[in-house]
N, C-alpha and C. Protein backbone atom coordinates (compact mmCIF):
# COMPACT_ATOMS: atom_id res chain seq x y z
N MET A 1 9.77 -77.26 97.94
CA MET A 1 9.72 -77.12 96.69
C MET A 1 8.83 -76.40 95.91
N MET A 2 9.69 -75.79 95.08
CA MET A 2 9.02 -74.69 94.20
C MET A 2 8.21 -75.03 93.23
N ARG A 3 6.54 -74.61 93.16
CA ARG A 3 5.97 -75.27 92.02
C ARG A 3 5.90 -74.54 90.88
N THR A 4 6.10 -74.70 89.66
CA THR A 4 5.95 -74.11 88.54
C THR A 4 4.71 -73.41 88.15
N PRO A 5 4.72 -71.79 87.67
CA PRO A 5 3.28 -71.56 87.89
C PRO A 5 2.55 -72.03 86.35
N PHE A 6 3.38 -72.77 85.45
CA PHE A 6 2.60 -73.44 84.33
C PHE A 6 2.90 -74.67 83.79
N ARG A 7 2.36 -75.50 83.19
CA ARG A 7 2.71 -76.86 82.62
C ARG A 7 3.37 -76.83 81.47
N HIS A 8 2.67 -76.05 80.41
CA HIS A 8 3.00 -76.18 79.06
C HIS A 8 2.73 -74.79 78.26
N VAL A 9 3.70 -74.21 77.38
CA VAL A 9 3.85 -73.26 76.68
C VAL A 9 3.63 -73.58 75.13
N ALA A 10 2.47 -73.26 74.47
CA ALA A 10 2.77 -73.66 72.79
C ALA A 10 2.18 -72.38 72.16
N GLY A 11 2.95 -71.77 71.54
CA GLY A 11 2.37 -70.32 71.01
C GLY A 11 2.22 -69.42 71.98
N HIS A 12 0.96 -69.13 72.07
CA HIS A 12 0.70 -67.94 72.61
C HIS A 12 -0.22 -68.38 73.74
N LEU A 13 -0.27 -69.67 73.87
CA LEU A 13 -1.03 -70.61 74.88
C LEU A 13 -0.43 -70.87 75.84
N VAL A 14 -0.75 -70.72 77.20
CA VAL A 14 -0.06 -71.14 78.60
C VAL A 14 -1.14 -72.21 79.50
N TRP A 15 -0.71 -73.37 79.87
CA TRP A 15 -1.52 -74.17 80.50
C TRP A 15 -1.23 -74.08 81.69
N ALA A 16 -1.77 -73.65 82.96
CA ALA A 16 -1.65 -74.02 84.26
C ALA A 16 -1.80 -75.27 84.91
N PRO A 17 -1.32 -75.46 85.74
CA PRO A 17 -1.34 -77.04 86.61
C PRO A 17 -2.91 -77.19 86.90
N SER A 18 -3.71 -76.33 87.03
CA SER A 18 -5.26 -76.60 87.32
C SER A 18 -6.00 -76.80 86.08
N GLY A 19 -5.38 -76.74 84.65
CA GLY A 19 -5.94 -77.18 83.83
C GLY A 19 -6.49 -75.87 83.00
N ALA A 20 -6.49 -74.83 83.44
CA ALA A 20 -6.70 -73.49 82.71
C ALA A 20 -5.76 -72.93 81.73
N VAL A 21 -5.88 -72.58 80.60
CA VAL A 21 -5.73 -72.21 79.67
C VAL A 21 -5.60 -70.69 79.15
N TRP A 22 -4.55 -69.66 79.36
CA TRP A 22 -4.28 -68.43 79.13
C TRP A 22 -3.77 -68.09 78.06
N ALA A 23 -3.94 -67.20 77.00
CA ALA A 23 -3.51 -66.64 75.95
C ALA A 23 -2.67 -65.61 76.41
N VAL A 24 -1.46 -65.36 75.70
CA VAL A 24 -0.88 -63.97 75.75
C VAL A 24 -0.47 -63.40 74.69
N TRP A 25 -0.51 -62.12 74.99
CA TRP A 25 -0.18 -61.28 73.33
C TRP A 25 0.59 -60.17 73.60
N ARG A 26 1.40 -59.51 72.72
CA ARG A 26 2.30 -58.49 72.82
C ARG A 26 1.37 -57.18 72.10
N VAL A 27 1.51 -56.40 72.88
CA VAL A 27 0.74 -55.00 72.17
C VAL A 27 1.69 -53.89 72.06
N GLU A 28 1.65 -53.38 70.86
CA GLU A 28 2.43 -52.25 70.93
C GLU A 28 1.87 -51.31 71.20
N PRO A 29 2.60 -49.90 72.05
CA PRO A 29 2.33 -48.98 72.37
C PRO A 29 1.87 -47.74 71.43
N LEU A 30 0.91 -47.00 71.51
CA LEU A 30 0.75 -46.02 70.67
C LEU A 30 0.79 -44.54 71.50
N ALA A 31 1.52 -43.57 71.06
CA ALA A 31 1.30 -42.26 71.73
C ALA A 31 -0.13 -41.49 71.66
N GLY A 32 -1.03 -41.93 72.34
CA GLY A 32 -2.46 -41.68 72.34
C GLY A 32 -2.56 -40.16 72.94
N GLY A 33 -1.23 -39.52 73.21
CA GLY A 33 -1.48 -37.91 73.69
C GLY A 33 -1.58 -37.18 72.52
N TYR A 34 -1.02 -37.62 71.38
CA TYR A 34 -0.75 -36.97 70.03
C TYR A 34 -1.71 -37.48 68.71
N LEU A 35 -2.61 -38.36 69.05
CA LEU A 35 -3.67 -38.65 68.12
C LEU A 35 -4.75 -37.71 68.29
N PRO A 36 -5.35 -37.90 67.17
CA PRO A 36 -6.65 -36.98 66.91
C PRO A 36 -7.69 -37.65 68.05
N ALA A 37 -8.69 -36.80 68.74
CA ALA A 37 -9.65 -37.51 69.78
C ALA A 37 -10.34 -38.46 69.05
N GLN A 38 -10.43 -38.55 67.60
CA GLN A 38 -11.76 -39.41 67.10
C GLN A 38 -10.96 -40.60 67.01
N VAL A 39 -9.63 -40.65 66.56
CA VAL A 39 -8.67 -41.88 66.61
C VAL A 39 -8.54 -42.59 67.93
N ARG A 40 -8.27 -41.62 69.16
CA ARG A 40 -8.31 -42.26 70.43
C ARG A 40 -9.38 -42.79 70.73
N GLN A 41 -10.54 -42.50 70.50
CA GLN A 41 -12.00 -43.11 70.82
C GLN A 41 -11.88 -44.39 70.19
N GLU A 42 -11.65 -44.32 68.94
CA GLU A 42 -11.77 -45.69 68.14
C GLU A 42 -10.82 -46.82 68.65
N LEU A 43 -9.72 -46.56 68.96
CA LEU A 43 -8.57 -47.42 69.81
C LEU A 43 -9.17 -47.59 71.12
N LEU A 44 -9.93 -46.76 71.77
CA LEU A 44 -10.37 -47.11 73.03
C LEU A 44 -11.51 -48.34 72.86
N GLY A 45 -12.26 -48.00 71.87
CA GLY A 45 -13.88 -48.94 71.74
C GLY A 45 -12.72 -50.50 71.31
N ARG A 46 -12.03 -50.24 70.29
CA ARG A 46 -11.38 -51.62 69.89
C ARG A 46 -10.29 -52.74 71.19
N VAL A 47 -10.03 -51.47 72.00
CA VAL A 47 -9.52 -52.14 73.28
C VAL A 47 -10.13 -52.76 74.15
N THR A 48 -11.63 -51.96 74.35
CA THR A 48 -12.41 -52.24 75.11
C THR A 48 -13.13 -53.66 75.00
N SER A 49 -13.47 -53.77 73.35
CA SER A 49 -14.00 -54.90 73.03
C SER A 49 -13.24 -56.04 73.02
N LEU A 50 -11.94 -55.88 72.78
CA LEU A 50 -10.81 -57.03 72.87
C LEU A 50 -10.81 -57.47 74.57
N VAL A 51 -10.79 -56.48 75.79
CA VAL A 51 -10.94 -57.21 77.02
C VAL A 51 -12.24 -57.97 77.28
N ARG A 52 -13.43 -57.05 76.95
CA ARG A 52 -14.66 -57.93 77.37
C ARG A 52 -14.64 -59.27 76.53
N LEU A 53 -14.17 -59.26 75.40
CA LEU A 53 -14.40 -60.72 74.52
C LEU A 53 -13.69 -61.67 75.25
N ALA A 54 -12.60 -61.10 75.60
CA ALA A 54 -11.42 -61.95 76.59
C ALA A 54 -12.07 -62.50 77.95
N SER A 55 -12.86 -61.91 78.58
CA SER A 55 -13.36 -62.02 79.52
C SER A 55 -14.41 -63.38 79.93
N PHE A 56 -15.01 -63.26 78.54
CA PHE A 56 -16.05 -64.32 78.14
C PHE A 56 -15.46 -65.75 78.10
N MET A 57 -13.92 -65.71 77.70
CA MET A 57 -13.17 -67.10 77.41
C MET A 57 -13.05 -67.86 78.53
């Protein structure tokens, strides 16, 4: 018998059978190769901050 990888989905939250809760987001891609270097660096900083914040949760 195959076990389902999640127990419940509500909005962007997914509960695993272990009790862990995951959040799911959709991120729209940008054509980074065509952006000015300063804008690319700002976006990189924002994404880096998001990933670091999510790892604490």
